[in-house]
Amino acid sequence: MELLCDWCGSKANKGENTVYWELPDGSRAIQITETPAVICSTCTMVYQTDEVTKQIEDQLLLVDTQKIGKSIIYQKLMELPRLLKRNYFDFS
């Protein structure tokens, strides 16, 4: 299936980029490297899909963020042990 840019509708590619995320408690922000991204060469947008955004936010809510340094690789973040099985506050 062809990936289309959410911004301009042109053909886009999968890629990775670095993002900065505020922790759920608001105490600080962290850098997440090698994050899955959509890259559009037409409008030059680079962004995360809603699915990736939800995965990051859920994971940060469910792990001990004290164990995360200033920077973490996306895959390592997703592999951190969770304190709960899932986000019980998500009613969507």
PDB file of N, CA and C in Angstrom:
ATOM      1  N   MET A   1       0.841  -1.180   0.000  1.00  0.00           N
ATOM      2  CA  MET A   1       0.000   0.000   0.000  1.00  0.00           C
ATOM      3  C   MET A   1       0.889   1.247   0.000  1.00  0.00           C
ATOM      4  N   GLU A   2       0.515   2.181  -0.816  1.00  0.00           N
ATOM      5  CA  GLU A   2       1.290   3.412  -0.968  1.00  0.00           C
ATOM      6  C   GLU A   2       1.063   4.332   0.216  1.00  0.00           C
ATOM      7  N   LEU A   3       2.138   4.906   0.721  1.00  0.00           N
ATOM      8  CA  LEU A   3       2.071   5.836   1.843  1.00  0.00           C
ATOM      9  C   LEU A   3       1.902   7.248   1.295  1.00  0.00           C
ATOM     10  N   LEU A   4       0.855   7.948   1.768  1.00  0.00           N
ATOM     11  CA  LEU A   4       0.600   9.308   1.322  1.00  0.00           C
ATOM     12  C   LEU A   4       0.840  10.291   2.450  1.00  0.00           C
ATOM     13  N   CYS A   5       1.357  11.443   2.112  1.00  0.00           N
ATOM     14  CA  CYS A   5       1.609  12.507   3.080  1.00  0.00           C
ATOM     15  C   CYS A   5       0.281  13.064   3.595  1.00  0.00           C
ATOM     16  N   ASP A   6       0.148  13.166   4.899  1.00  0.00           N
ATOM     17  CA  ASP A   6      -1.064  13.733   5.501  1.00  0.00           C
ATOM     18  C   ASP A   6      -1.193  15.220   5.227  1.00  0.00           C
ATOM     19  N   TRP A   7      -0.091  15.882   4.887  1.00  0.00           N
ATOM     20  CA  TRP A   7      -0.103  17.335   4.701  1.00  0.00           C
ATOM     21  C   TRP A   7      -0.452  17.733   3.273  1.00  0.00           C
ATOM     22  N   CYS A   8       0.171  17.083   2.282  1.00  0.00           N
ATOM     23  CA  CYS A   8      -0.046  17.514   0.897  1.00  0.00           C
ATOM     24  C   CYS A   8      -0.661  16.433   0.014  1.00  0.00           C
ATOM     25  N   GLY A   9      -0.735  15.199   0.509  1.00  0.00           N
ATOM     26  CA  GLY A   9      -1.339  14.119  -0.255  1.00  0.00           C
ATOM     27  C   GLY A   9      -0.422  13.454  -1.259  1.00  0.00           C
ATOM     28  N   SER A  10       0.819  13.895  -1.348  1.00  0.00           N
ATOM     29  CA  SER A  10       1.780  13.288  -2.276  1.00  0.00           C
ATOM     30  C   SER A  10       2.310  11.976  -1.719  1.00  0.00           C
ATOM     31  N   LYS A  11       2.964  11.221  -2.588  1.00  0.00           N
ATOM     32  CA  LYS A  11       3.598   9.978  -2.158  1.00  0.00           C
ATOM     33  C   LYS A  11       4.708  10.300  -1.160  1.00  0.00           C
ATOM     34  N   ALA A  12       4.748   9.537  -0.071  1.00  0.00           N
ATOM     35  CA  ALA A  12       5.746   9.761   0.979  1.00  0.00           C
ATOM     36  C   ALA A  12       6.493   8.458   1.245  1.00  0.00           C
ATOM     37  N   ASN A  13       7.543   8.545   2.017  1.00  0.00           N
ATOM     38  CA  ASN A  13       8.365   7.388   2.348  1.00  0.00           C
ATOM     39  C   ASN A  13       8.444   7.208   3.856  1.00  0.00           C
ATOM     40  N   LYS A  14       8.681   5.975   4.264  1.00  0.00           N
ATOM     41  CA  LYS A  14       8.949   5.701   5.669  1.00  0.00           C
ATOM     42  C   LYS A  14      10.393   6.048   5.952  1.00  0.00           C
ATOM     43  N   GLY A  15      10.644   6.518   7.157  1.00  0.00           N
ATOM     44  CA  GLY A  15      12.000   6.852   7.553  1.00  0.00           C
ATOM     45  C   GLY A  15      12.084   6.950   9.065  1.00  0.00           C
ATOM     46  N   GLU A  16      13.116   7.615   9.536  1.00  0.00           N
ATOM     47  CA  GLU A  16      13.324   7.824  10.968  1.00  0.00           C
ATOM     48  C   GLU A  16      13.791   9.248  11.200  1.00  0.00           C
ATOM     49  N   ASN A  17      13.509   9.749  12.398  1.00  0.00           N
ATOM     50  CA  ASN A  17      14.062  11.036  12.787  1.00  0.00           C
ATOM     51  C   ASN A  17      14.147  11.112  14.304  1.00  0.00           C
ATOM     52  N   THR A  18      14.664  12.204  14.789  1.00  0.00           N
ATOM     53  CA  THR A  18      14.800  12.438  16.227  1.00  0.00           C
ATOM     54  C   THR A  18      13.688  13.371  16.670  1.00  0.00           C
ATOM     55  N   VAL A  19      13.047  12.997  17.784  1.00  0.00           N
ATOM     56  CA  VAL A  19      11.969  13.832  18.331  1.00  0.00           C
ATOM     57  C   VAL A  19      12.291  14.166  19.782  1.00  0.00           C
ATOM     58  N   TYR A  20      11.637  15.170  20.303  1.00  0.00           N
ATOM     59  CA  TYR A  20      11.797  15.584  21.694  1.00  0.00           C
ATOM     60  C   TYR A  20      10.423  15.498  22.338  1.00  0.00           C
ATOM     61  N   TRP A  21      10.351  14.840  23.494  1.00  0.00           N
ATOM     62  CA  TRP A  21       9.064  14.557  24.111  1.00  0.00           C
ATOM     63  C   TRP A  21       9.071  14.964  25.576  1.00  0.00           C
ATOM     64  N   GLU A  22       8.035  15.650  25.984  1.00  0.00           N
ATOM     65  CA  GLU A  22       7.887  15.993  27.393  1.00  0.00           C
ATOM     66  C   GLU A  22       7.331  14.776  28.132  1.00  0.00           C
ATOM     67  N   LEU A  23       7.911  14.475  29.279  1.00  0.00           N
ATOM     68  CA  LEU A  23       7.432  13.342  30.070  1.00  0.00           C
ATOM     69  C   LEU A  23       6.043  13.651  30.619  1.00  0.00           C
ATOM     70  N   PRO A  24       5.227  12.614  30.858  1.00  0.00           N
ATOM     71  CA  PRO A  24       3.851  12.832  31.327  1.00  0.00           C
ATOM     72  C   PRO A  24       3.751  13.663  32.607  1.00  0.00           C
ATOM     73  N   ASP A  25       4.758  13.579  33.475  1.00  0.00           N
ATOM     74  CA  ASP A  25       4.704  14.356  34.724  1.00  0.00           C
ATOM     75  C   ASP A  25       5.185  15.793  34.534  1.00  0.00           C
ATOM     76  N   GLY A  26       5.628  16.134  33.331  1.00  0.00           N
ATOM     77  CA  GLY A  26       6.059  17.492  33.032  1.00  0.00           C
ATOM     78  C   GLY A  26       7.403  17.873  33.613  1.00  0.00           C
ATOM     79  N   SER A  27       8.133  16.904  34.163  1.00  0.00           N
ATOM     80  CA  SER A  27       9.385  17.210  34.847  1.00  0.00           C
ATOM     81  C   SER A  27      10.531  17.589  33.910  1.00  0.00           C
ATOM     82  N   ARG A  28      10.510  17.032  32.701  1.00  0.00           N
ATOM     83  CA  ARG A  28      11.586  17.305  31.750  1.00  0.00           C
ATOM     84  C   ARG A  28      11.201  16.762  30.387  1.00  0.00           C
ATOM     85  N   ALA A  29      12.041  17.046  29.421  1.00  0.00           N
ATOM     86  CA  ALA A  29      11.848  16.516  28.075  1.00  0.00           C
ATOM     87  C   ALA A  29      13.002  15.572  27.768  1.00  0.00           C
ATOM     88  N   ILE A  30      12.748  14.592  26.917  1.00  0.00           N
ATOM     89  CA  ILE A  30      13.793  13.659  26.504  1.00  0.00           C
ATOM     90  C   ILE A  30      13.892  13.656  24.987  1.00  0.00           C
ATOM     91  N   GLN A  31      15.033  13.200  24.509  1.00  0.00           N
ATOM     92  CA  GLN A  31      15.260  13.039  23.083  1.00  0.00           C
ATOM     93  C   GLN A  31      15.024  11.564  22.751  1.00  0.00           C
ATOM     94  N   ILE A  32      14.239  11.298  21.714  1.00  0.00           N
ATOM     95  CA  ILE A  32      14.010   9.929  21.261  1.00  0.00           C
ATOM     96  C   ILE A  32      14.543   9.844  19.842  1.00  0.00           C
ATOM     97  N   THR A  33      15.593   9.065  19.658  1.00  0.00           N
ATOM     98  CA  THR A  33      16.240   8.941  18.353  1.00  0.00           C
ATOM     99  C   THR A  33      15.694   7.728  17.604  1.00  0.00           C
ATOM    100  N   GLU A  34      15.921   7.728  16.301  1.00  0.00           N
ATOM    101  CA  GLU A  34      15.518   6.627  15.415  1.00  0.00           C
ATOM    102  C   GLU A  34      14.014   6.341  15.504  1.00  0.00           C
ATOM    103  N   THR A  35      13.231   7.396  15.650  1.00  0.00           N
ATOM    104  CA  THR A  35      11.777   7.276  15.756  1.00  0.00           C
ATOM    105  C   THR A  35      11.182   7.100  14.361  1.00  0.00           C
ATOM    106  N   PRO A  36      10.296   6.120  14.170  1.00  0.00           N
ATOM    107  CA  PRO A  36       9.654   5.950  12.860  1.00  0.00           C
ATOM    108  C   PRO A  36       8.961   7.241  12.432  1.00  0.00           C
ATOM    109  N   ALA A  37       9.132   7.592  11.157  1.00  0.00           N
ATOM    110  CA  ALA A  37       8.588   8.849  10.655  1.00  0.00           C
ATOM    111  C   ALA A  37       8.082   8.685   9.229  1.00  0.00           C
ATOM    112  N   VAL A  38       7.258   9.621   8.821  1.00  0.00           N
ATOM    113  CA  VAL A  38       6.830   9.749   7.435  1.00  0.00           C
ATOM    114  C   VAL A  38       7.605  10.928   6.866  1.00  0.00           C
ATOM    115  N   ILE A  39       8.232  10.715   5.716  1.00  0.00           N
ATOM    116  CA  ILE A  39       9.052  11.752   5.097  1.00  0.00           C
ATOM    117  C   ILE A  39       8.501  12.048   3.708  1.00  0.00           C
ATOM    118  N   CYS A  40       8.111  13.295   3.490  1.00  0.00           N
ATOM    119  CA  CYS A  40       7.561  13.714   2.201  1.00  0.00           C
ATOM    120  C   CYS A  40       8.576  14.597   1.490  1.00  0.00           C
ATOM    121  N   SER A  41       8.987  14.187   0.305  1.00  0.00           N
ATOM    122  CA  SER A  41       9.958  14.991  -0.447  1.00  0.00           C
ATOM    123  C   SER A  41       9.282  16.150  -1.186  1.00  0.00           C
ATOM    124  N   THR A  42       7.964  16.081  -1.350  1.00  0.00           N
ATOM    125  CA  THR A  42       7.248  17.143  -2.052  1.00  0.00           C
ATOM    126  C   THR A  42       7.100  18.389  -1.183  1.00  0.00           C
ATOM    127  N   CYS A  43       6.546  18.223   0.021  1.00  0.00           N
ATOM    128  CA  CYS A  43       6.343  19.389   0.894  1.00  0.00           C
ATOM    129  C   CYS A  43       7.393  19.474   2.007  1.00  0.00           C
ATOM    130  N   THR A  44       8.299  18.542   2.039  1.00  0.00           N
ATOM    131  CA  THR A  44       9.429  18.445   2.988  1.00  0.00           C
ATOM    132  C   THR A  44       9.006  18.226   4.443  1.00  0.00           C
ATOM    133  N   MET A  45       7.784  17.779   4.669  1.00  0.00           N
ATOM    134  CA  MET A  45       7.337  17.483   6.040  1.00  0.00           C
ATOM    135  C   MET A  45       7.953  16.158   6.502  1.00  0.00           C
ATOM    136  N   VAL A  46       8.328  16.119   7.755  1.00  0.00           N
ATOM    137  CA  VAL A  46       8.775  14.897   8.418  1.00  0.00           C
ATOM    138  C   VAL A  46       7.971  14.834   9.714  1.00  0.00           C
ATOM    139  N   TYR A  47       7.188  13.759   9.888  1.00  0.00           N
ATOM    140  CA  TYR A  47       6.296  13.692  11.043  1.00  0.00           C
ATOM    141  C   TYR A  47       6.057  12.246  11.463  1.00  0.00           C
ATOM    142  N   GLN A  48       5.538  12.101  12.674  1.00  0.00           N
ATOM    143  CA  GLN A  48       5.175  10.797  13.203  1.00  0.00           C
ATOM    144  C   GLN A  48       3.681  10.572  12.952  1.00  0.00           C
ATOM    145  N   THR A  49       3.328   9.329  12.669  1.00  0.00           N
ATOM    146  CA  THR A  49       1.913   9.005  12.492  1.00  0.00           C
ATOM    147  C   THR A  49       1.232   9.051  13.856  1.00  0.00           C
ATOM    148  N   ASP A  50      -0.089   9.102  13.837  1.00  0.00           N
ATOM    149  CA  ASP A  50      -0.858   9.087  15.083  1.00  0.00           C
ATOM    150  C   ASP A  50      -0.580   7.806  15.868  1.00  0.00           C
ATOM    151  N   GLU A  51      -0.369   6.707  15.164  1.00  0.00           N
ATOM    152  CA  GLU A  51      -0.094   5.426  15.816  1.00  0.00           C
ATOM    153  C   GLU A  51       1.222   5.469  16.594  1.00  0.00           C
ATOM    154  N   VAL A  52       2.269   6.011  15.981  1.00  0.00           N
ATOM    155  CA  VAL A  52       3.570   6.109  16.654  1.00  0.00           C
ATOM    156  C   VAL A  52       3.476   7.062  17.843  1.00  0.00           C
ATOM    157  N   THR A  53       2.775   8.177  17.673  1.00  0.00           N
ATOM    158  CA  THR A  53       2.589   9.132  18.764  1.00  0.00           C
ATOM    159  C   THR A  53       1.904   8.465  19.950  1.00  0.00           C
ATOM    160  N   LYS A  54       0.861   7.692  19.685  1.00  0.00           N
ATOM    161  CA  LYS A  54       0.142   7.004  20.755  1.00  0.00           C
ATOM    162  C   LYS A  54       1.034   5.964  21.431  1.00  0.00           C
ATOM    163  N   GLN A  55       1.828   5.246  20.651  1.00  0.00           N
ATOM    164  CA  GLN A  55       2.743   4.249  21.225  1.00  0.00           C
ATOM    165  C   GLN A  55       3.734   4.914  22.183  1.00  0.00           C
ATOM    166  N   ILE A  56       4.297   6.039  21.774  1.00  0.00           N
ATOM    167  CA  ILE A  56       5.262   6.745  22.618  1.00  0.00           C
ATOM    168  C   ILE A  56       4.579   7.249  23.890  1.00  0.00           C
ATOM    169  N   GLU A  57       3.440   7.900  23.741  1.00  0.00           N
ATOM    170  CA  GLU A  57       2.757   8.458  24.913  1.00  0.00           C
ATOM    171  C   GLU A  57       2.314   7.362  25.881  1.00  0.00           C
ATOM    172  N   ASP A  58       1.791   6.261  25.355  1.00  0.00           N
ATOM    173  CA  ASP A  58       1.399   5.147  26.226  1.00  0.00           C
ATOM    174  C   ASP A  58       2.609   4.568  26.948  1.00  0.00           C
ATOM    175  N   GLN A  59       3.691   4.364  26.221  1.00  0.00           N
ATOM    176  CA  GLN A  59       4.886   3.770  26.830  1.00  0.00           C
ATOM    177  C   GLN A  59       5.458   4.673  27.915  1.00  0.00           C
ATOM    178  N   LEU A  60       5.503   5.982  27.667  1.00  0.00           N
ATOM    179  CA  LEU A  60       6.031   6.899  28.676  1.00  0.00           C
ATOM    180  C   LEU A  60       5.138   6.955  29.915  1.00  0.00           C
ATOM    181  N   LEU A  61       3.870   6.686  29.745  1.00  0.00           N
ATOM    182  CA  LEU A  61       2.949   6.670  30.868  1.00  0.00           C
ATOM    183  C   LEU A  61       3.092   5.384  31.688  1.00  0.00           C
ATOM    184  N   LEU A  62       3.565   4.311  31.041  1.00  0.00           N
ATOM    185  CA  LEU A  62       3.566   2.987  31.663  1.00  0.00           C
ATOM    186  C   LEU A  62       4.926   2.506  32.167  1.00  0.00           C
ATOM    187  N   VAL A  63       5.976   3.262  31.934  1.00  0.00           N
ATOM    188  CA  VAL A  63       7.313   2.843  32.369  1.00  0.00           C
ATOM    189  C   VAL A  63       7.825   3.771  33.466  1.00  0.00           C
ATOM    190  N   ASP A  64       8.873   3.345  34.134  1.00  0.00           N
ATOM    191  CA  ASP A  64       9.532   4.175  35.140  1.00  0.00           C
ATOM    192  C   ASP A  64      10.427   5.174  34.407  1.00  0.00           C
ATOM    193  N   THR A  65       9.951   6.391  34.236  1.00  0.00           N
ATOM    194  CA  THR A  65      10.695   7.383  33.457  1.00  0.00           C
ATOM    195  C   THR A  65      11.975   7.845  34.148  1.00  0.00           C
ATOM    196  N   GLN A  66      12.117   7.538  35.436  1.00  0.00           N
ATOM    197  CA  GLN A  66      13.361   7.870  36.147  1.00  0.00           C
ATOM    198  C   GLN A  66      14.543   7.103  35.564  1.00  0.00           C
ATOM    199  N   LYS A  67      14.273   5.974  34.910  1.00  0.00           N
ATOM    200  CA  LYS A  67      15.330   5.140  34.333  1.00  0.00           C
ATOM    201  C   LYS A  67      15.723   5.581  32.930  1.00  0.00           C
ATOM    202  N   ILE A  68      15.068   6.611  32.406  1.00  0.00           N
ATOM    203  CA  ILE A  68      15.373   7.122  31.076  1.00  0.00           C
ATOM    204  C   ILE A  68      16.286   8.329  31.227  1.00  0.00           C
ATOM    205  N   GLY A  69      17.390   8.305  30.513  1.00  0.00           N
ATOM    206  CA  GLY A  69      18.313   9.441  30.543  1.00  0.00           C
ATOM    207  C   GLY A  69      17.797  10.590  29.688  1.00  0.00           C
ATOM    208  N   LYS A  70      18.696  11.443  29.259  1.00  0.00           N
ATOM    209  CA  LYS A  70      18.311  12.581  28.425  1.00  0.00           C
ATOM    210  C   LYS A  70      17.937  12.147  27.012  1.00  0.00           C
ATOM    211  N   SER A  71      18.449  10.990  26.584  1.00  0.00           N
ATOM    212  CA  SER A  71      18.211  10.507  25.239  1.00  0.00           C
ATOM    213  C   SER A  71      18.021   8.993  25.261  1.00  0.00           C
ATOM    214  N   ILE A  72      17.154   8.484  24.381  1.00  0.00           N
ATOM    215  CA  ILE A  72      16.928   7.052  24.274  1.00  0.00           C
ATOM    216  C   ILE A  72      16.543   6.726  22.831  1.00  0.00           C
ATOM    217  N   ILE A  73      16.932   5.558  22.372  1.00  0.00           N
ATOM    218  CA  ILE A  73      16.544   5.089  21.049  1.00  0.00           C
ATOM    219  C   ILE A  73      15.104   4.588  21.135  1.00  0.00           C
ATOM    220  N   TYR A  74      14.312   4.866  20.124  1.00  0.00           N
ATOM    221  CA  TYR A  74      12.898   4.503  20.104  1.00  0.00           C
ATOM    222  C   TYR A  74      12.702   3.024  20.457  1.00  0.00           C
ATOM    223  N   GLN A  75      13.432   2.142  19.837  1.00  0.00           N
ATOM    224  CA  GLN A  75      13.257   0.709  20.082  1.00  0.00           C
ATOM    225  C   GLN A  75      13.566   0.354  21.536  1.00  0.00           C
ATOM    226  N   LYS A  76      14.584   0.980  22.110  1.00  0.00           N
ATOM    227  CA  LYS A  76      14.921   0.735  23.522  1.00  0.00           C
ATOM    228  C   LYS A  76      13.794   1.231  24.436  1.00  0.00           C
ATOM    229  N   LEU A  77      13.188   2.366  24.081  1.00  0.00           N
ATOM    230  CA  LEU A  77      12.057   2.877  24.850  1.00  0.00           C
ATOM    231  C   LEU A  77      10.908   1.876  24.833  1.00  0.00           C
ATOM    232  N   MET A  78      10.625   1.332  23.654  1.00  0.00           N
ATOM    233  CA  MET A  78       9.518   0.380  23.527  1.00  0.00           C
ATOM    234  C   MET A  78       9.802  -0.939  24.251  1.00  0.00           C
ATOM    235  N   GLU A  79      11.073  -1.237  24.496  1.00  0.00           N
ATOM    236  CA  GLU A  79      11.456  -2.483  25.172  1.00  0.00           C
ATOM    237  C   GLU A  79      11.534  -2.351  26.690  1.00  0.00           C
ATOM    238  N   LEU A  80      11.431  -1.120  27.216  1.00  0.00           N
ATOM    239  CA  LEU A  80      11.489  -0.938  28.669  1.00  0.00           C
ATOM    240  C   LEU A  80      10.333  -1.686  29.338  1.00  0.00           C
ATOM    241  N   PRO A  81      10.595  -2.301  30.492  1.00  0.00           N
ATOM    242  CA  PRO A  81       9.518  -3.012  31.185  1.00  0.00           C
ATOM    243  C   PRO A  81       8.439  -2.047  31.675  1.00  0.00           C
ATOM    244  N   ARG A  82       7.190  -2.469  31.498  1.00  0.00           N
ATOM    245  CA  ARG A  82       6.057  -1.639  31.899  1.00  0.00           C
ATOM    246  C   ARG A  82       5.659  -1.923  33.341  1.00  0.00           C
ATOM    247  N   LEU A  83       5.183  -0.885  34.013  1.00  0.00           N
ATOM    248  CA  LEU A  83       4.674  -1.037  35.370  1.00  0.00           C
ATOM    249  C   LEU A  83       3.248  -1.584  35.345  1.00  0.00           C
ATOM    250  N   LEU A  84       2.502  -1.292  34.270  1.00  0.00           N
ATOM    251  CA  LEU A  84       1.160  -1.822  34.042  1.00  0.00           C
ATOM    252  C   LEU A  84       1.155  -2.472  32.658  1.00  0.00           C
ATOM    253  N   LYS A  85       0.214  -3.388  32.420  1.00  0.00           N
ATOM    254  CA  LYS A  85       0.147  -4.062  31.126  1.00  0.00           C
ATOM    255  C   LYS A  85      -0.252  -3.125  30.001  1.00  0.00           C
ATOM    256  N   ARG A  86      -1.164  -2.209  30.290  1.00  0.00           N
ATOM    257  CA  ARG A  86      -1.647  -1.279  29.268  1.00  0.00           C
ATOM    258  C   ARG A  86      -2.095   0.012  29.931  1.00  0.00           C
ATOM    259  N   ASN A  87      -2.432   0.977  29.086  1.00  0.00           N
ATOM    260  CA  ASN A  87      -2.904   2.268  29.568  1.00  0.00           C
ATOM    261  C   ASN A  87      -4.384   2.158  29.902  1.00  0.00           C
ATOM    262  N   TYR A  88      -4.704   2.012  31.169  1.00  0.00           N
ATOM    263  CA  TYR A  88      -6.086   1.845  31.595  1.00  0.00           C
ATOM    264  C   TYR A  88      -6.862   3.166  31.571  1.00  0.00           C
ATOM    265  N   PHE A  89      -6.185   4.265  31.280  1.00  0.00           N
ATOM    266  CA  PHE A  89      -6.839   5.565  31.219  1.00  0.00           C
ATOM    267  C   PHE A  89      -7.272   5.925  29.798  1.00  0.00           C
ATOM    268  N   ASP A  90      -6.949   5.059  28.837  1.00  0.00           N
ATOM    269  CA  ASP A  90      -7.300   5.300  27.434  1.00  0.00           C
ATOM    270  C   ASP A  90      -8.649   4.647  27.154  1.00  0.00           C
ATOM    271  N   PHE A  91      -9.666   5.461  26.948  1.00  0.00           N
ATOM    272  CA  PHE A  91     -11.023   4.942  26.706  1.00  0.00           C
ATOM    273  C   PHE A  91     -11.416   5.016  25.239  1.00  0.00           C
ATOM    274  N   SER A  92     -10.442   5.237  24.361  1.00  0.00           N
ATOM    275  CA  SER A  92     -10.766   5.332  22.918  1.00  0.00           C
ATOM    276  C   SER A  92     -10.988   3.985  22.296  1.00  0.00           C
TER     277      SER A  92
END
